[in-house]
Amino acid sequence: MDWSDLISKIKITGDNCCAIINSNDSRLNSLVKNNTQYLWQGDSAYWSSQAPVCFPIVGV
């Protein structure tokens, strides 16, 4: 078991929502609202990693 992975997660919860953040690299790992997961959780059949874009440029 990799203990560093277990202690590096921060969980923030609110009304019907939950965010899990990796404190090592400030990466958002999970975003759930009303039981719907909004971030890719990794599926080894397709791609097992995660690479969320934290601050995309939107608009022109």
N, C-alpha and C. Protein backbone atom coordinates (compact mmCIF):
# COMPACT_ATOMS: atom_id res chain seq x y z
N MET A 1 0.84 -1.18 0.00
CA MET A 1 0.00 0.00 0.00
C MET A 1 0.88 1.25 0.00
N ASP A 2 0.52 2.22 -0.83
CA ASP A 2 1.27 3.46 -0.92
C ASP A 2 0.62 4.49 0.02
N TRP A 3 1.20 4.66 1.21
CA TRP A 3 0.63 5.56 2.22
C TRP A 3 0.66 7.00 1.77
N SER A 4 1.64 7.39 0.94
CA SER A 4 1.70 8.78 0.51
C SER A 4 0.48 9.16 -0.32
N ASP A 5 -0.09 8.22 -1.05
CA ASP A 5 -1.29 8.50 -1.82
C ASP A 5 -2.50 8.67 -0.92
N LEU A 6 -2.55 7.94 0.19
CA LEU A 6 -3.68 8.02 1.09
C LEU A 6 -3.72 9.34 1.87
N ILE A 7 -2.57 9.86 2.24
CA ILE A 7 -2.57 11.07 3.05
C ILE A 7 -2.49 12.34 2.22
N SER A 8 -2.39 12.24 0.91
CA SER A 8 -2.26 13.43 0.09
C SER A 8 -3.59 13.88 -0.51
N LYS A 9 -4.68 13.28 -0.11
CA LYS A 9 -6.00 13.63 -0.63
C LYS A 9 -6.75 14.53 0.34
N ILE A 10 -7.36 15.57 -0.18
CA ILE A 10 -8.20 16.47 0.61
C ILE A 10 -9.61 16.35 0.07
N LYS A 11 -10.57 16.11 0.97
CA LYS A 11 -11.96 15.95 0.57
C LYS A 11 -12.76 17.14 1.09
N ILE A 12 -13.46 17.81 0.18
CA ILE A 12 -14.30 18.95 0.53
C ILE A 12 -15.73 18.58 0.15
N THR A 13 -16.64 18.68 1.11
CA THR A 13 -18.03 18.32 0.84
C THR A 13 -18.95 19.50 1.15
N GLY A 14 -20.09 19.49 0.46
CA GLY A 14 -21.11 20.50 0.66
C GLY A 14 -22.46 19.89 0.35
N ASP A 15 -23.44 20.72 0.11
CA ASP A 15 -24.78 20.24 -0.22
C ASP A 15 -24.77 19.45 -1.53
N ASN A 16 -24.91 18.15 -1.44
CA ASN A 16 -24.98 17.25 -2.60
C ASN A 16 -23.77 17.31 -3.51
N CYS A 17 -22.61 17.77 -3.00
CA CYS A 17 -21.43 17.79 -3.84
C CYS A 17 -20.19 17.44 -3.02
N CYS A 18 -19.17 16.95 -3.72
CA CYS A 18 -17.94 16.53 -3.08
C CYS A 18 -16.79 16.70 -4.07
N ALA A 19 -15.68 17.26 -3.60
CA ALA A 19 -14.47 17.39 -4.42
C ALA A 19 -13.32 16.72 -3.68
N ILE A 20 -12.49 16.00 -4.43
CA ILE A 20 -11.29 15.39 -3.86
C ILE A 20 -10.10 15.97 -4.61
N ILE A 21 -9.16 16.52 -3.85
CA ILE A 21 -8.01 17.21 -4.40
C ILE A 21 -6.74 16.52 -3.94
N ASN A 22 -5.81 16.31 -4.85
CA ASN A 22 -4.50 15.76 -4.51
C ASN A 22 -3.63 16.91 -4.05
N SER A 23 -3.23 16.90 -2.79
CA SER A 23 -2.47 18.03 -2.25
C SER A 23 -1.01 18.04 -2.71
N ASN A 24 -0.53 16.95 -3.28
CA ASN A 24 0.85 16.94 -3.78
C ASN A 24 1.02 17.82 -5.00
N ASP A 25 0.04 17.81 -5.89
CA ASP A 25 0.15 18.60 -7.12
C ASP A 25 -1.06 19.50 -7.36
N SER A 26 -1.91 19.67 -6.33
CA SER A 26 -3.11 20.53 -6.40
C SER A 26 -4.01 20.16 -7.56
N ARG A 27 -4.12 18.88 -7.83
CA ARG A 27 -4.93 18.40 -8.96
C ARG A 27 -6.29 17.92 -8.46
N LEU A 28 -7.33 18.35 -9.13
CA LEU A 28 -8.68 17.90 -8.82
C LEU A 28 -8.84 16.48 -9.34
N ASN A 29 -9.08 15.52 -8.43
CA ASN A 29 -9.21 14.12 -8.82
C ASN A 29 -10.65 13.68 -8.99
N SER A 30 -11.57 14.31 -8.27
CA SER A 30 -12.96 13.89 -8.33
C SER A 30 -13.85 15.09 -8.06
N LEU A 31 -14.94 15.17 -8.82
CA LEU A 31 -15.95 16.20 -8.60
C LEU A 31 -17.30 15.55 -8.80
N VAL A 32 -18.04 15.39 -7.70
CA VAL A 32 -19.33 14.70 -7.72
C VAL A 32 -20.41 15.68 -7.25
N LYS A 33 -21.49 15.76 -8.01
CA LYS A 33 -22.66 16.55 -7.60
C LYS A 33 -23.90 15.75 -7.90
N ASN A 34 -24.78 15.63 -6.91
CA ASN A 34 -26.02 14.85 -7.04
C ASN A 34 -25.74 13.45 -7.58
N ASN A 35 -24.70 12.80 -7.04
CA ASN A 35 -24.30 11.43 -7.39
C ASN A 35 -23.83 11.27 -8.82
N THR A 36 -23.44 12.36 -9.49
CA THR A 36 -22.88 12.30 -10.84
C THR A 36 -21.42 12.70 -10.78
N GLN A 37 -20.53 11.82 -11.25
CA GLN A 37 -19.10 12.08 -11.30
C GLN A 37 -18.81 12.88 -12.57
N TYR A 38 -18.16 14.03 -12.42
CA TYR A 38 -17.90 14.91 -13.57
C TYR A 38 -16.48 14.81 -14.10
N LEU A 39 -15.60 14.06 -13.44
CA LEU A 39 -14.24 13.89 -13.94
C LEU A 39 -13.96 12.43 -14.28
N TRP A 40 -13.18 12.22 -15.29
CA TRP A 40 -12.77 10.88 -15.70
C TRP A 40 -12.03 10.21 -14.57
N GLN A 41 -12.45 8.98 -14.20
CA GLN A 41 -11.85 8.26 -13.09
C GLN A 41 -10.86 7.19 -13.53
N GLY A 42 -10.65 7.06 -14.81
CA GLY A 42 -9.70 6.07 -15.31
C GLY A 42 -10.35 4.72 -15.51
N ASP A 43 -10.27 4.22 -16.70
CA ASP A 43 -10.80 2.91 -17.04
C ASP A 43 -9.72 2.21 -17.86
N SER A 44 -9.15 1.16 -17.30
CA SER A 44 -8.03 0.49 -17.97
C SER A 44 -8.38 -0.06 -19.34
N ALA A 45 -9.65 -0.23 -19.64
CA ALA A 45 -10.06 -0.68 -20.97
C ALA A 45 -9.80 0.41 -22.02
N TYR A 46 -9.76 1.67 -21.58
CA TYR A 46 -9.54 2.78 -22.50
C TYR A 46 -8.27 3.53 -22.17
N TRP A 47 -8.23 4.12 -21.00
CA TRP A 47 -7.07 4.87 -20.52
C TRP A 47 -7.19 4.99 -19.02
N SER A 48 -6.24 4.45 -18.28
CA SER A 48 -6.37 4.34 -16.82
C SER A 48 -5.91 5.58 -16.06
N SER A 49 -5.35 6.54 -16.73
CA SER A 49 -4.84 7.74 -16.05
C SER A 49 -5.88 8.86 -16.00
N GLN A 50 -5.50 9.94 -15.34
CA GLN A 50 -6.31 11.14 -15.29
C GLN A 50 -5.45 12.31 -15.73
N ALA A 51 -6.03 13.25 -16.44
CA ALA A 51 -5.32 14.46 -16.83
C ALA A 51 -6.31 15.61 -16.97
N PRO A 52 -6.92 16.03 -15.86
CA PRO A 52 -7.89 17.13 -15.97
C PRO A 52 -7.20 18.45 -16.29
N VAL A 53 -7.85 19.24 -17.06
CA VAL A 53 -7.35 20.58 -17.37
C VAL A 53 -7.97 21.50 -16.32
N CYS A 54 -7.14 22.09 -15.48
CA CYS A 54 -7.65 22.88 -14.36
C CYS A 54 -8.17 24.25 -14.78
N PHE A 55 -7.44 24.93 -15.66
CA PHE A 55 -7.81 26.28 -16.03
C PHE A 55 -7.77 26.45 -17.55
N PRO A 56 -8.77 25.93 -18.25
CA PRO A 56 -8.76 26.06 -19.71
C PRO A 56 -9.06 27.50 -20.13
N ILE A 57 -8.56 27.87 -21.27
CA ILE A 57 -8.86 29.18 -21.84
C ILE A 57 -10.16 29.05 -22.60
N VAL A 58 -11.15 29.85 -22.24
CA VAL A 58 -12.46 29.78 -22.85
C VAL A 58 -12.73 31.10 -23.55
N GLY A 59 -13.17 31.01 -24.79
CA GLY A 59 -13.50 32.23 -25.54
C GLY A 59 -12.34 32.72 -26.37
N VAL A 60 -12.56 33.83 -27.01
CA VAL A 60 -11.54 34.40 -27.91
C VAL A 60 -11.06 35.72 -27.35
